[in-house]
N, C-alpha and C. Protein backbone atom coordinates (compact mmCIF):
# COMPACT_ATOMS: atom_id res chain seq x y z
N MET A 1 184.05 32.60 -86.71
CA MET A 1 183.40 31.34 -86.43
C MET A 1 182.03 31.58 -85.84
N SER A 2 181.21 30.66 -86.09
CA SER A 2 179.86 30.76 -85.57
C SER A 2 179.84 30.32 -84.12
N ALA A 3 179.45 31.23 -83.24
CA ALA A 3 179.40 30.91 -81.82
C ALA A 3 177.97 30.83 -81.33
N ALA A 4 177.02 30.65 -82.25
CA ALA A 4 175.61 30.60 -81.86
C ALA A 4 175.32 29.40 -80.98
N THR A 5 175.80 28.24 -81.36
CA THR A 5 175.61 27.03 -80.55
C THR A 5 176.91 26.27 -80.48
N GLY A 6 177.03 25.41 -79.51
CA GLY A 6 178.23 24.60 -79.38
C GLY A 6 178.43 23.67 -80.56
N GLN A 7 177.34 23.19 -81.12
CA GLN A 7 177.45 22.27 -82.27
C GLN A 7 178.02 23.00 -83.48
N ASP A 8 177.59 24.23 -83.72
CA ASP A 8 178.14 25.00 -84.84
C ASP A 8 179.63 25.23 -84.66
N LEU A 9 180.03 25.55 -83.44
CA LEU A 9 181.43 25.78 -83.16
C LEU A 9 182.24 24.50 -83.36
N ARG A 10 181.71 23.39 -82.92
CA ARG A 10 182.41 22.11 -83.09
C ARG A 10 182.56 21.77 -84.58
N LEU A 11 181.53 22.01 -85.36
CA LEU A 11 181.61 21.75 -86.80
C LEU A 11 182.63 22.67 -87.46
N SER A 12 182.73 23.90 -86.99
CA SER A 12 183.72 24.82 -87.53
C SER A 12 185.13 24.33 -87.26
N PHE A 13 185.38 23.85 -86.04
CA PHE A 13 186.70 23.31 -85.72
C PHE A 13 186.99 22.07 -86.55
N GLN A 14 186.03 21.21 -86.72
CA GLN A 14 186.23 19.99 -87.50
C GLN A 14 186.51 20.33 -88.96
N ALA A 15 185.83 21.34 -89.48
CA ALA A 15 186.07 21.76 -90.87
C ALA A 15 187.48 22.34 -91.00
N ALA A 16 187.91 23.10 -90.00
CA ALA A 16 189.27 23.66 -90.04
C ALA A 16 190.31 22.56 -89.99
N VAL A 17 190.10 21.57 -89.14
CA VAL A 17 191.04 20.44 -89.05
C VAL A 17 191.12 19.72 -90.38
N LEU A 18 190.00 19.45 -90.99
CA LEU A 18 189.99 18.76 -92.28
C LEU A 18 190.68 19.58 -93.35
N ALA A 19 190.35 20.86 -93.43
CA ALA A 19 190.93 21.71 -94.47
C ALA A 19 192.44 21.83 -94.32
N PHE A 20 192.92 22.12 -93.12
CA PHE A 20 194.35 22.32 -92.93
C PHE A 20 195.13 21.02 -93.03
N SER A 21 194.52 19.90 -92.66
CA SER A 21 195.24 18.63 -92.82
C SER A 21 195.36 18.27 -94.31
N LEU A 22 194.33 18.57 -95.08
CA LEU A 22 194.41 18.31 -96.52
C LEU A 22 195.45 19.22 -97.19
N LEU A 23 195.46 20.50 -96.80
CA LEU A 23 196.46 21.42 -97.36
C LEU A 23 197.87 20.99 -96.97
N GLY A 24 198.03 20.51 -95.75
CA GLY A 24 199.34 20.02 -95.31
C GLY A 24 199.78 18.81 -96.11
N ALA A 25 198.85 17.90 -96.36
CA ALA A 25 199.19 16.70 -97.14
C ALA A 25 199.58 17.07 -98.58
N ILE A 26 198.87 18.02 -99.15
CA ILE A 26 199.20 18.45 -100.52
C ILE A 26 200.58 19.10 -100.55
N ALA A 27 200.86 19.97 -99.59
CA ALA A 27 202.17 20.64 -99.55
C ALA A 27 203.29 19.62 -99.32
N LEU A 28 203.04 18.63 -98.47
CA LEU A 28 204.05 17.61 -98.20
C LEU A 28 204.36 16.81 -99.47
N GLU A 29 203.34 16.41 -100.19
CA GLU A 29 203.55 15.64 -101.42
C GLU A 29 204.28 16.48 -102.48
N ARG A 30 203.90 17.74 -102.60
CA ARG A 30 204.59 18.60 -103.57
C ARG A 30 206.04 18.83 -103.15
N GLY A 31 206.30 18.88 -101.84
CA GLY A 31 207.67 19.01 -101.35
C GLY A 31 208.50 17.78 -101.68
N ARG A 32 207.91 16.62 -101.52
CA ARG A 32 208.61 15.38 -101.89
C ARG A 32 208.94 15.36 -103.37
N ARG A 33 207.97 15.77 -104.17
CA ARG A 33 208.18 15.79 -105.62
C ARG A 33 209.30 16.77 -105.98
N ALA A 34 209.29 17.93 -105.34
CA ALA A 34 210.35 18.92 -105.61
C ALA A 34 211.71 18.40 -105.17
N GLU A 35 211.75 17.67 -104.07
CA GLU A 35 213.02 17.12 -103.60
C GLU A 35 213.55 16.05 -104.56
N ARG A 36 212.65 15.22 -105.08
CA ARG A 36 213.07 14.19 -106.05
C ARG A 36 213.64 14.80 -107.31
N THR A 37 213.16 15.97 -107.71
CA THR A 37 213.66 16.62 -108.91
C THR A 37 214.79 17.60 -108.60
N ARG A 38 215.33 17.50 -107.37
CA ARG A 38 216.47 18.28 -106.92
C ARG A 38 216.20 19.79 -106.90
N MET A 39 214.98 20.16 -106.63
CA MET A 39 214.61 21.57 -106.46
C MET A 39 214.48 21.81 -104.95
N TYR A 40 215.65 21.85 -104.29
CA TYR A 40 215.68 21.83 -102.83
C TYR A 40 215.10 23.10 -102.20
N GLY A 41 215.30 24.23 -102.81
CA GLY A 41 214.74 25.48 -102.27
C GLY A 41 213.22 25.44 -102.24
N GLN A 42 212.63 24.97 -103.30
CA GLN A 42 211.18 24.85 -103.36
C GLN A 42 210.69 23.78 -102.38
N ALA A 43 211.44 22.70 -102.25
CA ALA A 43 211.07 21.63 -101.33
C ALA A 43 211.04 22.15 -99.89
N VAL A 44 212.03 22.94 -99.52
CA VAL A 44 212.08 23.49 -98.17
C VAL A 44 210.86 24.36 -97.91
N ASN A 45 210.52 25.19 -98.86
CA ASN A 45 209.35 26.07 -98.69
C ASN A 45 208.06 25.25 -98.56
N LEU A 46 207.94 24.20 -99.33
CA LEU A 46 206.73 23.37 -99.26
C LEU A 46 206.68 22.57 -97.96
N TYR A 47 207.83 22.10 -97.49
CA TYR A 47 207.85 21.40 -96.20
C TYR A 47 207.46 22.36 -95.07
N ALA A 48 207.93 23.59 -95.15
CA ALA A 48 207.55 24.59 -94.14
C ALA A 48 206.05 24.87 -94.19
N ALA A 49 205.50 24.93 -95.38
CA ALA A 49 204.05 25.15 -95.51
C ALA A 49 203.27 23.97 -94.95
N ALA A 50 203.78 22.76 -95.18
CA ALA A 50 203.12 21.57 -94.63
C ALA A 50 203.15 21.60 -93.11
N LEU A 51 204.30 21.94 -92.53
CA LEU A 51 204.40 22.02 -91.07
C LEU A 51 203.47 23.08 -90.50
N LEU A 52 203.39 24.21 -91.16
CA LEU A 52 202.49 25.27 -90.70
C LEU A 52 201.04 24.81 -90.74
N ASN A 53 200.64 24.16 -91.81
CA ASN A 53 199.26 23.67 -91.91
C ASN A 53 198.97 22.61 -90.85
N TYR A 54 199.93 21.71 -90.59
CA TYR A 54 199.72 20.71 -89.56
C TYR A 54 199.66 21.34 -88.17
N PHE A 55 200.47 22.39 -87.94
CA PHE A 55 200.42 23.08 -86.66
C PHE A 55 199.04 23.72 -86.45
N ILE A 56 198.51 24.36 -87.48
CA ILE A 56 197.18 24.96 -87.38
C ILE A 56 196.13 23.89 -87.14
N CYS A 57 196.29 22.76 -87.77
CA CYS A 57 195.37 21.64 -87.58
C CYS A 57 195.38 21.19 -86.12
N TYR A 58 196.57 21.01 -85.55
CA TYR A 58 196.66 20.58 -84.16
C TYR A 58 196.15 21.66 -83.21
N ALA A 59 196.41 22.92 -83.53
CA ALA A 59 195.89 24.01 -82.70
C ALA A 59 194.36 24.03 -82.74
N SER A 60 193.77 23.71 -83.89
CA SER A 60 192.32 23.64 -83.98
C SER A 60 191.76 22.50 -83.14
N ILE A 61 192.46 21.38 -83.13
CA ILE A 61 192.03 20.26 -82.29
C ILE A 61 192.10 20.65 -80.82
N LEU A 62 193.18 21.31 -80.43
CA LEU A 62 193.33 21.76 -79.05
C LEU A 62 192.24 22.78 -78.69
N ALA A 63 191.98 23.72 -79.57
CA ALA A 63 190.95 24.72 -79.31
C ALA A 63 189.57 24.08 -79.19
N GLU A 64 189.30 23.08 -80.02
CA GLU A 64 188.02 22.37 -79.94
C GLU A 64 187.88 21.68 -78.58
N ASN A 65 188.96 21.04 -78.13
CA ASN A 65 188.92 20.36 -76.83
C ASN A 65 188.74 21.36 -75.70
N LEU A 66 189.44 22.50 -75.77
CA LEU A 66 189.28 23.50 -74.74
C LEU A 66 187.87 24.11 -74.75
N ALA A 67 187.32 24.29 -75.92
CA ALA A 67 185.96 24.83 -76.01
C ALA A 67 184.95 23.84 -75.44
N SER A 68 185.17 22.55 -75.65
CA SER A 68 184.24 21.56 -75.12
C SER A 68 184.35 21.47 -73.59
N LEU A 69 185.55 21.71 -73.06
CA LEU A 69 185.72 21.72 -71.61
C LEU A 69 185.03 22.91 -70.94
N SER A 70 185.04 24.04 -71.65
CA SER A 70 184.43 25.25 -71.08
C SER A 70 182.92 25.27 -71.26
N GLY A 71 182.39 24.29 -71.98
CA GLY A 71 180.95 24.18 -72.13
C GLY A 71 180.37 24.81 -73.37
N HIS A 72 181.22 25.25 -74.29
CA HIS A 72 180.71 25.85 -75.52
C HIS A 72 180.56 24.75 -76.50
């Protein structure tokens, strides 16, 4: 990540949040589709991928807040 200025760091966190939330939404929709077609093993894997992406998204939000508190 770019640590040159606080604004660059904030934009990096915002980009990460956007990217991982979109990937999570895609994985969630594909998991639903797999579940409807009774492909439960694939659905479980896609749901796990969605949860992982959402966790990374929330961790990025937390890191952004912590970085703003520390003055970066």
